[in-house]
Amino acid sequence: MGLDLDVSASLSIGDIEQALDNYGHKHHREDPKPFYMSRTATGNGNATSPVILDCLAPPTGSIWQVRSITMFGTDAFTTLKDSGGTNSIFAALFVGDSLNLNLAGLKITGLAVPSTTYVPDTVMWCHPNENLIVQVGTTGSVLAAGVQVGVNIAIEEWRERDVSRMNGA
C-alpha cells in the first residue's frame, strides 16, 4: 500500500511584497500628531497689584507645547503704561501654581503689551500639574484701575505617552 502525493506551490515576488505590505500596514503606528488650540485669558488692572492671567493646565494624560504668546491691551496697537502713565508695562510667562508664582517656574520675561512672541520648537512644555500663567506688571509698576489686558497662547496639545521618554517603546 502506497500513497502518492504531489504538492506544488508557487509564490511570486509580487505575492511576497503584498503579504509584507499588508503586515506592515496592520502593525505600523502613525507618527503622533498634536491637536492645535489656543488658551486665552483677560483681566483688568486695579492700580495696586499685578494682573494674573491664568490659562489653566493641560488635561491629565496630555502635555502642551507653547508655540506663541500674544499679549494685548485695549486694542492691538497701544502700548500699555503703568498706573502713573510713565513706564511701559511688561509681562512674564510662568508655569506652576497661579497662587504661588516663583522664579523656578519663570519661563519667558519681557513680554511687551502688545506683542507676539514665537517660541522655538521643543523648548517650552507645560505638564498636567502646571498652569500656564502670565503676570502683567510687578510691584511698583501696575496697570491703572479698569485697564484691560489679555493673552492668547497658541499651543500644541500632545498625548503625554506619545512624547514622553518614559513611554515604554
N, C-alpha and C. Protein backbone atom coordinates (compact mmCIF):
# COMPACT_ATOMS: atom_id res chain seq x y z
N MET A 1 0.86 -1.15 0.00
CA MET A 1 0.00 0.00 0.00
C MET A 1 0.91 1.22 0.00
N GLY A 2 0.65 2.12 -0.88
CA GLY A 2 1.48 3.30 -1.01
C GLY A 2 0.62 4.54 -1.22
N LEU A 3 1.19 5.65 -0.92
CA LEU A 3 0.49 6.92 -1.06
C LEU A 3 1.36 7.82 -1.91
N ASP A 4 0.78 8.30 -2.96
CA ASP A 4 1.48 9.24 -3.82
C ASP A 4 0.88 10.63 -3.58
N LEU A 5 1.73 11.57 -3.29
CA LEU A 5 1.26 12.93 -3.00
C LEU A 5 2.13 13.90 -3.77
N ASP A 6 1.50 14.72 -4.55
CA ASP A 6 2.21 15.77 -5.26
C ASP A 6 1.72 17.11 -4.72
N VAL A 7 2.64 17.95 -4.27
CA VAL A 7 2.30 19.28 -3.78
C VAL A 7 3.08 20.28 -4.62
N SER A 8 2.40 21.31 -5.00
CA SER A 8 3.05 22.34 -5.80
C SER A 8 2.70 23.69 -5.20
N ALA A 9 3.68 24.54 -5.03
CA ALA A 9 3.45 25.88 -4.50
C ALA A 9 4.18 26.86 -5.39
N SER A 10 3.54 27.97 -5.61
CA SER A 10 4.15 28.98 -6.46
C SER A 10 3.94 30.34 -5.81
N LEU A 11 5.00 31.03 -5.54
CA LEU A 11 4.94 32.38 -4.99
C LEU A 11 5.77 33.29 -5.87
N SER A 12 5.20 34.40 -6.19
CA SER A 12 5.97 35.37 -6.96
C SER A 12 6.50 36.44 -6.00
N ILE A 13 7.44 37.19 -6.48
CA ILE A 13 7.97 38.31 -5.67
C ILE A 13 6.83 39.27 -5.33
N GLY A 14 5.91 39.47 -6.26
CA GLY A 14 4.76 40.35 -6.01
C GLY A 14 3.90 39.85 -4.87
N ASP A 15 3.70 38.52 -4.78
CA ASP A 15 2.91 37.96 -3.69
C ASP A 15 3.58 38.20 -2.34
N ILE A 16 4.88 38.03 -2.30
CA ILE A 16 5.64 38.24 -1.05
C ILE A 16 5.58 39.71 -0.64
N GLU A 17 5.77 40.62 -1.60
CA GLU A 17 5.70 42.05 -1.29
C GLU A 17 4.32 42.44 -0.77
N GLN A 18 3.28 41.90 -1.38
CA GLN A 18 1.91 42.20 -0.94
C GLN A 18 1.68 41.72 0.49
N ALA A 19 2.14 40.52 0.79
CA ALA A 19 1.98 39.98 2.15
C ALA A 19 2.72 40.84 3.17
N LEU A 20 3.92 41.25 2.83
CA LEU A 20 4.69 42.10 3.75
C LEU A 20 4.06 43.47 3.90
N ASP A 21 3.55 44.05 2.82
CA ASP A 21 2.88 45.35 2.90
C ASP A 21 1.65 45.27 3.80
N ASN A 22 0.84 44.21 3.63
CA ASN A 22 -0.34 44.04 4.49
C ASN A 22 0.06 43.92 5.95
N TYR A 23 1.11 43.17 6.23
CA TYR A 23 1.59 43.03 7.60
C TYR A 23 2.04 44.38 8.15
N GLY A 24 2.79 45.13 7.33
CA GLY A 24 3.29 46.43 7.76
C GLY A 24 2.19 47.42 8.06
N HIS A 25 1.14 47.44 7.22
CA HIS A 25 0.04 48.37 7.45
C HIS A 25 -0.73 48.04 8.73
N LYS A 26 -0.84 46.77 9.04
CA LYS A 26 -1.56 46.37 10.24
C LYS A 26 -0.78 46.71 11.51
N HIS A 27 0.54 46.69 11.43
CA HIS A 27 1.36 46.84 12.63
C HIS A 27 2.13 48.16 12.70
N HIS A 28 2.00 48.98 11.69
CA HIS A 28 2.70 50.27 11.69
C HIS A 28 1.86 51.31 12.41
N ARG A 29 2.48 52.01 13.34
CA ARG A 29 1.81 53.08 14.05
C ARG A 29 2.14 54.39 13.36
N GLU A 30 1.12 55.20 13.13
CA GLU A 30 1.37 56.51 12.54
C GLU A 30 2.12 57.37 13.52
N ASP A 31 2.89 58.31 12.98
CA ASP A 31 3.58 59.25 13.85
C ASP A 31 2.54 60.04 14.63
N PRO A 32 2.81 60.33 15.90
CA PRO A 32 1.84 61.09 16.69
C PRO A 32 1.64 62.49 16.10
N LYS A 33 0.45 62.99 16.25
CA LYS A 33 0.13 64.33 15.77
C LYS A 33 -0.54 65.10 16.89
N PRO A 34 -0.23 66.40 16.99
CA PRO A 34 -0.85 67.20 18.06
C PRO A 34 -2.21 67.73 17.64
N PHE A 35 -2.92 68.23 18.63
CA PHE A 35 -4.16 68.97 18.44
C PHE A 35 -3.81 70.44 18.64
N TYR A 36 -4.09 71.28 17.66
CA TYR A 36 -3.73 72.70 17.74
C TYR A 36 -4.87 73.48 18.37
N MET A 37 -4.51 74.33 19.33
CA MET A 37 -5.53 75.11 20.01
C MET A 37 -4.88 76.34 20.65
N SER A 38 -5.68 77.17 21.28
CA SER A 38 -5.13 78.32 22.00
C SER A 38 -5.86 78.47 23.32
N ARG A 39 -5.18 79.11 24.24
CA ARG A 39 -5.75 79.42 25.56
C ARG A 39 -5.72 80.94 25.71
N THR A 40 -6.83 81.51 26.12
CA THR A 40 -6.93 82.96 26.24
C THR A 40 -7.39 83.31 27.66
N ALA A 41 -6.81 84.37 28.19
CA ALA A 41 -7.25 84.89 29.49
C ALA A 41 -7.18 86.41 29.45
N THR A 42 -8.10 87.06 30.12
CA THR A 42 -8.10 88.53 30.19
C THR A 42 -8.32 88.95 31.64
N GLY A 43 -7.94 90.18 31.91
CA GLY A 43 -8.14 90.74 33.24
C GLY A 43 -8.09 92.25 33.18
N ASN A 44 -8.36 92.87 34.31
CA ASN A 44 -8.34 94.33 34.41
C ASN A 44 -7.41 94.76 35.53
N GLY A 45 -6.70 95.85 35.26
CA GLY A 45 -5.83 96.42 36.28
C GLY A 45 -6.63 96.93 37.47
N ASN A 46 -5.96 97.00 38.65
CA ASN A 46 -6.62 97.52 39.84
C ASN A 46 -5.80 98.61 40.52
N ALA A 47 -4.69 99.02 39.89
CA ALA A 47 -3.80 100.09 40.36
C ALA A 47 -3.04 99.74 41.63
N THR A 48 -3.17 98.51 42.13
CA THR A 48 -2.45 98.15 43.37
C THR A 48 -1.58 96.91 43.24
N SER A 49 -1.93 95.99 42.34
CA SER A 49 -1.15 94.75 42.24
C SER A 49 -1.09 94.28 40.78
N PRO A 50 -0.13 93.41 40.46
CA PRO A 50 -0.04 92.87 39.10
C PRO A 50 -1.31 92.09 38.73
N VAL A 51 -1.59 92.03 37.45
CA VAL A 51 -2.71 91.24 36.94
C VAL A 51 -2.18 89.83 36.65
N ILE A 52 -2.89 88.83 37.14
CA ILE A 52 -2.54 87.43 36.91
C ILE A 52 -3.53 86.84 35.90
N LEU A 53 -3.00 86.37 34.77
CA LEU A 53 -3.82 85.75 33.73
C LEU A 53 -3.53 84.25 33.73
N ASP A 54 -4.50 83.47 34.17
CA ASP A 54 -4.31 82.03 34.32
C ASP A 54 -4.96 81.30 33.14
N CYS A 55 -4.14 80.64 32.34
CA CYS A 55 -4.63 79.89 31.16
C CYS A 55 -4.84 78.42 31.47
N LEU A 56 -4.84 78.07 32.74
CA LEU A 56 -5.11 76.72 33.23
C LEU A 56 -4.03 75.72 32.82
N ALA A 57 -4.33 74.42 32.94
CA ALA A 57 -3.34 73.36 32.74
C ALA A 57 -3.85 72.35 31.72
N PRO A 58 -2.94 71.59 31.10
CA PRO A 58 -3.38 70.53 30.19
C PRO A 58 -4.18 69.47 30.96
N PRO A 59 -5.10 68.79 30.28
CA PRO A 59 -5.81 67.71 30.95
C PRO A 59 -4.87 66.55 31.27
N THR A 60 -5.23 65.75 32.23
CA THR A 60 -4.43 64.59 32.59
C THR A 60 -4.22 63.72 31.36
N GLY A 61 -2.96 63.30 31.16
CA GLY A 61 -2.62 62.48 30.01
C GLY A 61 -2.17 63.27 28.80
N SER A 62 -2.22 64.60 28.90
CA SER A 62 -1.80 65.47 27.80
C SER A 62 -0.67 66.38 28.26
N ILE A 63 0.02 66.94 27.29
CA ILE A 63 1.10 67.89 27.56
C ILE A 63 0.99 68.98 26.49
N TRP A 64 1.26 70.22 26.87
CA TRP A 64 1.18 71.34 25.93
C TRP A 64 2.57 71.78 25.52
N GLN A 65 2.73 72.03 24.23
CA GLN A 65 3.93 72.69 23.73
C GLN A 65 3.52 74.11 23.33
N VAL A 66 4.10 75.11 23.97
CA VAL A 66 3.76 76.51 23.69
C VAL A 66 4.42 76.91 22.38
N ARG A 67 3.63 77.51 21.48
CA ARG A 67 4.13 77.93 20.17
C ARG A 67 4.26 79.44 20.06
N SER A 68 3.29 80.18 20.59
CA SER A 68 3.39 81.65 20.55
C SER A 68 2.56 82.24 21.68
N ILE A 69 2.94 83.47 22.03
CA ILE A 69 2.25 84.20 23.09
C ILE A 69 1.94 85.59 22.55
N THR A 70 0.66 85.93 22.49
CA THR A 70 0.25 87.24 22.02
C THR A 70 -0.36 88.01 23.18
N MET A 71 0.26 89.11 23.53
CA MET A 71 -0.24 90.00 24.58
C MET A 71 -1.02 91.13 23.93
N PHE A 72 -2.14 91.54 24.56
CA PHE A 72 -2.92 92.64 24.02
C PHE A 72 -3.53 93.45 25.15
N GLY A 73 -3.84 94.68 24.83
CA GLY A 73 -4.48 95.57 25.79
C GLY A 73 -5.87 95.95 25.30
N THR A 74 -6.18 97.22 25.38
CA THR A 74 -7.50 97.68 24.95
C THR A 74 -7.65 97.62 23.43
N ASP A 75 -6.51 97.54 22.71
CA ASP A 75 -6.52 97.31 21.27
C ASP A 75 -5.21 96.62 20.89
N ALA A 76 -4.98 96.43 19.62
CA ALA A 76 -3.81 95.69 19.18
C ALA A 76 -2.58 96.57 18.94
N PHE A 77 -2.69 97.89 19.23
CA PHE A 77 -1.62 98.81 18.83
C PHE A 77 -1.06 99.68 19.95
N THR A 78 -1.84 99.92 20.99
CA THR A 78 -1.44 100.88 22.01
C THR A 78 -0.62 100.21 23.11
N THR A 79 0.57 100.77 23.37
CA THR A 79 1.41 100.25 24.45
C THR A 79 0.77 100.60 25.79
N LEU A 80 0.66 99.62 26.65
CA LEU A 80 0.08 99.87 27.98
C LEU A 80 1.13 100.50 28.89
N LYS A 81 0.71 101.48 29.66
CA LYS A 81 1.57 102.17 30.62
C LYS A 81 1.14 101.82 32.04
N ASP A 82 2.03 102.04 32.97
CA ASP A 82 1.68 101.78 34.37
C ASP A 82 0.66 102.80 34.86
N SER A 83 0.21 102.63 36.10
CA SER A 83 -0.85 103.49 36.64
C SER A 83 -0.42 104.95 36.71
N GLY A 84 0.88 105.21 36.74
CA GLY A 84 1.36 106.59 36.72
C GLY A 84 1.46 107.16 35.32
N GLY A 85 1.32 106.32 34.31
CA GLY A 85 1.35 106.77 32.93
C GLY A 85 2.74 107.01 32.37
N THR A 86 3.78 106.57 33.08
CA THR A 86 5.14 106.88 32.62
C THR A 86 5.90 105.67 32.08
N ASN A 87 5.74 104.52 32.68
CA ASN A 87 6.52 103.34 32.29
C ASN A 87 5.67 102.34 31.51
N SER A 88 6.29 101.73 30.49
CA SER A 88 5.60 100.67 29.76
C SER A 88 5.43 99.45 30.66
N ILE A 89 4.33 98.76 30.47
CA ILE A 89 4.05 97.55 31.24
C ILE A 89 4.61 96.34 30.49
N PHE A 90 5.25 95.45 31.23
CA PHE A 90 5.75 94.20 30.67
C PHE A 90 5.13 93.04 31.43
N ALA A 91 5.19 91.85 30.80
CA ALA A 91 4.62 90.66 31.41
C ALA A 91 5.65 89.54 31.39
N ALA A 92 5.39 88.49 32.15
CA ALA A 92 6.26 87.31 32.19
C ALA A 92 5.39 86.06 32.20
N LEU A 93 5.87 85.01 31.52
CA LEU A 93 5.16 83.74 31.48
C LEU A 93 5.76 82.79 32.49
N PHE A 94 4.88 82.18 33.29
CA PHE A 94 5.28 81.19 34.30
C PHE A 94 4.53 79.89 34.03
N VAL A 95 5.06 78.78 34.53
CA VAL A 95 4.29 77.54 34.65
C VAL A 95 4.31 77.18 36.13
N GLY A 96 3.20 76.68 36.63
CA GLY A 96 3.14 76.32 38.04
C GLY A 96 1.79 76.66 38.64
N ASP A 97 1.82 77.06 39.89
CA ASP A 97 0.63 77.37 40.67
C ASP A 97 0.36 78.87 40.60
N SER A 98 -0.81 79.26 40.12
CA SER A 98 -1.12 80.68 39.95
C SER A 98 -1.17 81.45 41.27
N LEU A 99 -1.34 80.75 42.38
CA LEU A 99 -1.39 81.41 43.68
C LEU A 99 -0.02 81.48 44.34
N ASN A 100 0.98 80.85 43.72
CA ASN A 100 2.32 80.82 44.32
C ASN A 100 3.38 80.88 43.21
N LEU A 101 3.40 81.99 42.48
CA LEU A 101 4.39 82.15 41.41
C LEU A 101 5.78 82.28 42.03
N ASN A 102 6.74 81.61 41.40
CA ASN A 102 8.12 81.75 41.88
C ASN A 102 9.08 81.64 40.70
N LEU A 103 10.31 82.02 40.93
CA LEU A 103 11.30 82.07 39.84
C LEU A 103 11.59 80.69 39.24
N ALA A 104 11.34 79.62 39.97
CA ALA A 104 11.55 78.28 39.41
C ALA A 104 10.61 78.00 38.24
N GLY A 105 9.47 78.65 38.23
CA GLY A 105 8.50 78.46 37.16
C GLY A 105 8.55 79.52 36.08
N LEU A 106 9.47 80.48 36.19
CA LEU A 106 9.59 81.56 35.21
C LEU A 106 10.16 81.01 33.90
N LYS A 107 9.46 81.25 32.80
CA LYS A 107 9.88 80.72 31.50
C LYS A 107 10.28 81.81 30.51
N ILE A 108 9.49 82.87 30.40
CA ILE A 108 9.77 83.93 29.44
C ILE A 108 9.52 85.28 30.10
N THR A 109 10.47 86.20 29.96
CA THR A 109 10.33 87.54 30.54
C THR A 109 10.24 88.58 29.43
N GLY A 110 9.92 89.80 29.82
CA GLY A 110 9.96 90.94 28.89
C GLY A 110 8.90 90.93 27.82
N LEU A 111 7.75 90.35 28.09
CA LEU A 111 6.67 90.34 27.11
C LEU A 111 6.00 91.71 27.11
N ALA A 112 6.20 92.47 26.04
CA ALA A 112 5.59 93.79 25.93
C ALA A 112 4.11 93.65 25.64
N VAL A 113 3.35 94.70 25.96
CA VAL A 113 1.92 94.71 25.69
C VAL A 113 1.64 95.92 24.81
N PRO A 114 1.27 95.74 23.54
CA PRO A 114 1.01 94.49 22.82
C PRO A 114 2.29 93.91 22.19
N SER A 115 2.27 92.61 21.95
CA SER A 115 3.38 91.94 21.26
C SER A 115 2.99 90.50 20.98
N THR A 116 3.75 89.89 20.06
CA THR A 116 3.64 88.45 19.82
C THR A 116 5.04 87.88 19.91
N THR A 117 5.21 86.82 20.67
CA THR A 117 6.49 86.15 20.84
C THR A 117 6.33 84.71 20.38
N TYR A 118 7.19 84.30 19.44
CA TYR A 118 7.16 82.92 18.96
C TYR A 118 8.17 82.11 19.74
N VAL A 119 7.77 80.90 20.14
CA VAL A 119 8.62 80.04 20.96
C VAL A 119 9.21 78.96 20.05
N PRO A 120 10.54 78.79 20.08
CA PRO A 120 11.16 77.77 19.22
C PRO A 120 10.65 76.36 19.53
N ASP A 121 10.79 75.49 18.53
CA ASP A 121 10.39 74.08 18.65
C ASP A 121 11.00 73.40 19.88
N THR A 122 10.24 72.56 20.50
CA THR A 122 10.64 71.66 21.58
C THR A 122 11.29 72.35 22.78
N VAL A 123 10.98 73.61 23.00
CA VAL A 123 11.63 74.33 24.11
C VAL A 123 10.70 74.49 25.31
N MET A 124 9.45 74.74 25.08
CA MET A 124 8.54 75.15 26.14
C MET A 124 7.38 74.19 26.28
N TRP A 125 7.41 73.36 27.33
CA TRP A 125 6.37 72.38 27.58
C TRP A 125 5.65 72.71 28.88
N CYS A 126 4.37 72.40 28.94
CA CYS A 126 3.58 72.58 30.15
C CYS A 126 2.91 71.24 30.46
N HIS A 127 3.14 70.74 31.65
CA HIS A 127 2.66 69.42 32.07
C HIS A 127 1.31 69.53 32.78
N PRO A 128 0.60 68.42 32.96
CA PRO A 128 -0.74 68.46 33.56
C PRO A 128 -0.79 69.03 34.98
N ASN A 129 0.30 69.03 35.70
CA ASN A 129 0.29 69.57 37.06
C ASN A 129 0.76 71.02 37.10
N GLU A 130 0.86 71.67 35.93
CA GLU A 130 1.32 73.05 35.85
C GLU A 130 0.31 73.90 35.08
N ASN A 131 0.00 75.07 35.59
CA ASN A 131 -0.83 76.03 34.86
C ASN A 131 0.08 76.95 34.06
N LEU A 132 -0.43 77.42 32.92
CA LEU A 132 0.25 78.49 32.16
C LEU A 132 -0.26 79.81 32.71
N ILE A 133 0.64 80.63 33.22
CA ILE A 133 0.25 81.87 33.90
C ILE A 133 1.08 83.03 33.35
N VAL A 134 0.42 84.14 33.10
CA VAL A 134 1.11 85.36 32.71
C VAL A 134 0.87 86.39 33.81
N GLN A 135 1.97 86.93 34.32
CA GLN A 135 1.87 88.03 35.29
C GLN A 135 2.15 89.32 34.54
N VAL A 136 1.21 90.24 34.61
CA VAL A 136 1.33 91.52 33.92
C VAL A 136 1.65 92.59 34.95
N GLY A 137 2.81 93.21 34.79
CA GLY A 137 3.26 94.21 35.75
C GLY A 137 3.94 93.57 36.94
N THR A 138 4.47 94.41 37.79
CA THR A 138 5.13 93.95 39.00
C THR A 138 4.91 94.99 40.09
N THR A 139 5.23 94.66 41.31
CA THR A 139 5.05 95.61 42.40
C THR A 139 5.72 96.93 42.03
N GLY A 140 4.99 98.02 42.12
CA GLY A 140 5.53 99.33 41.78
C GLY A 140 5.29 99.73 40.33
N SER A 141 4.87 98.80 39.49
CA SER A 141 4.58 99.10 38.08
C SER A 141 3.37 98.26 37.67
N VAL A 142 2.19 98.78 38.00
CA VAL A 142 0.95 98.04 37.77
C VAL A 142 0.03 98.84 36.85
N LEU A 143 -0.96 98.16 36.30
CA LEU A 143 -1.93 98.82 35.44
C LEU A 143 -2.89 99.67 36.26
N ALA A 144 -3.35 100.75 35.65
CA ALA A 144 -4.36 101.59 36.29
C ALA A 144 -5.66 100.80 36.42
N ALA A 145 -6.49 101.20 37.34
CA ALA A 145 -7.77 100.52 37.58
C ALA A 145 -8.61 100.52 36.31
N GLY A 146 -9.13 99.34 35.96
CA GLY A 146 -10.02 99.21 34.80
C GLY A 146 -9.35 99.01 33.46
N VAL A 147 -8.03 99.11 33.39
CA VAL A 147 -7.34 98.92 32.11
C VAL A 147 -7.31 97.43 31.79
N GLN A 148 -7.80 97.08 30.59
CA GLN A 148 -7.87 95.68 30.18
C GLN A 148 -6.55 95.20 29.62
N VAL A 149 -6.22 93.93 29.92
CA VAL A 149 -5.05 93.27 29.37
C VAL A 149 -5.42 91.81 29.14
N GLY A 150 -4.80 91.21 28.14
CA GLY A 150 -5.10 89.81 27.86
C GLY A 150 -3.95 89.10 27.18
N VAL A 151 -4.09 87.79 27.10
CA VAL A 151 -3.07 86.96 26.46
C VAL A 151 -3.78 85.86 25.67
N ASN A 152 -3.19 85.53 24.53
CA ASN A 152 -3.64 84.40 23.73
C ASN A 152 -2.41 83.54 23.49
N ILE A 153 -2.41 82.32 24.02
CA ILE A 153 -1.26 81.42 23.91
C ILE A 153 -1.61 80.29 22.95
N ALA A 154 -0.88 80.22 21.83
CA ALA A 154 -1.09 79.14 20.86
C ALA A 154 -0.30 77.92 21.33
N ILE A 155 -0.96 76.78 21.36
CA ILE A 155 -0.31 75.58 21.86
C ILE A 155 -0.60 74.38 20.95
N GLU A 156 0.26 73.39 21.08
CA GLU A 156 0.02 72.08 20.52
C GLU A 156 -0.23 71.16 21.70
N GLU A 157 -1.36 70.48 21.68
CA GLU A 157 -1.64 69.52 22.75
C GLU A 157 -1.29 68.12 22.25
N TRP A 158 -0.39 67.46 22.98
CA TRP A 158 0.08 66.12 22.64
C TRP A 158 -0.39 65.14 23.69
N ARG A 159 -0.59 63.88 23.30
CA ARG A 159 -0.79 62.85 24.30
C ARG A 159 0.56 62.64 24.98
N GLU A 160 0.56 62.67 26.28
CA GLU A 160 1.81 62.57 27.05
C GLU A 160 2.57 61.30 26.70
N ARG A 161 1.87 60.21 26.51
CA ARG A 161 2.56 58.93 26.22
C ARG A 161 3.26 58.95 24.87
N ASP A 162 2.80 59.82 23.93
CA ASP A 162 3.42 59.89 22.61
C ASP A 162 4.74 60.66 22.61
N VAL A 163 4.91 61.56 23.56
CA VAL A 163 6.12 62.41 23.56
C VAL A 163 7.03 62.18 24.76
N SER A 164 6.59 61.36 25.69
CA SER A 164 7.39 61.10 26.89
C SER A 164 8.52 60.13 26.58
N ARG A 165 9.66 60.34 27.20
CA ARG A 165 10.78 59.41 27.06
C ARG A 165 10.52 58.14 27.87
N MET A 166 9.52 58.15 28.71
CA MET A 166 9.20 57.02 29.57
C MET A 166 8.00 56.25 29.02
N ASN A 167 7.83 56.23 27.69
CA ASN A 167 6.65 55.62 27.11
C ASN A 167 6.73 54.12 26.92
N GLY A 168 7.86 53.49 27.28
CA GLY A 168 7.99 52.05 27.21
C GLY A 168 8.25 51.52 25.81
N ALA A 169 8.38 52.40 24.84
CA ALA A 169 8.61 51.95 23.47
C ALA A 169 10.08 51.67 23.23
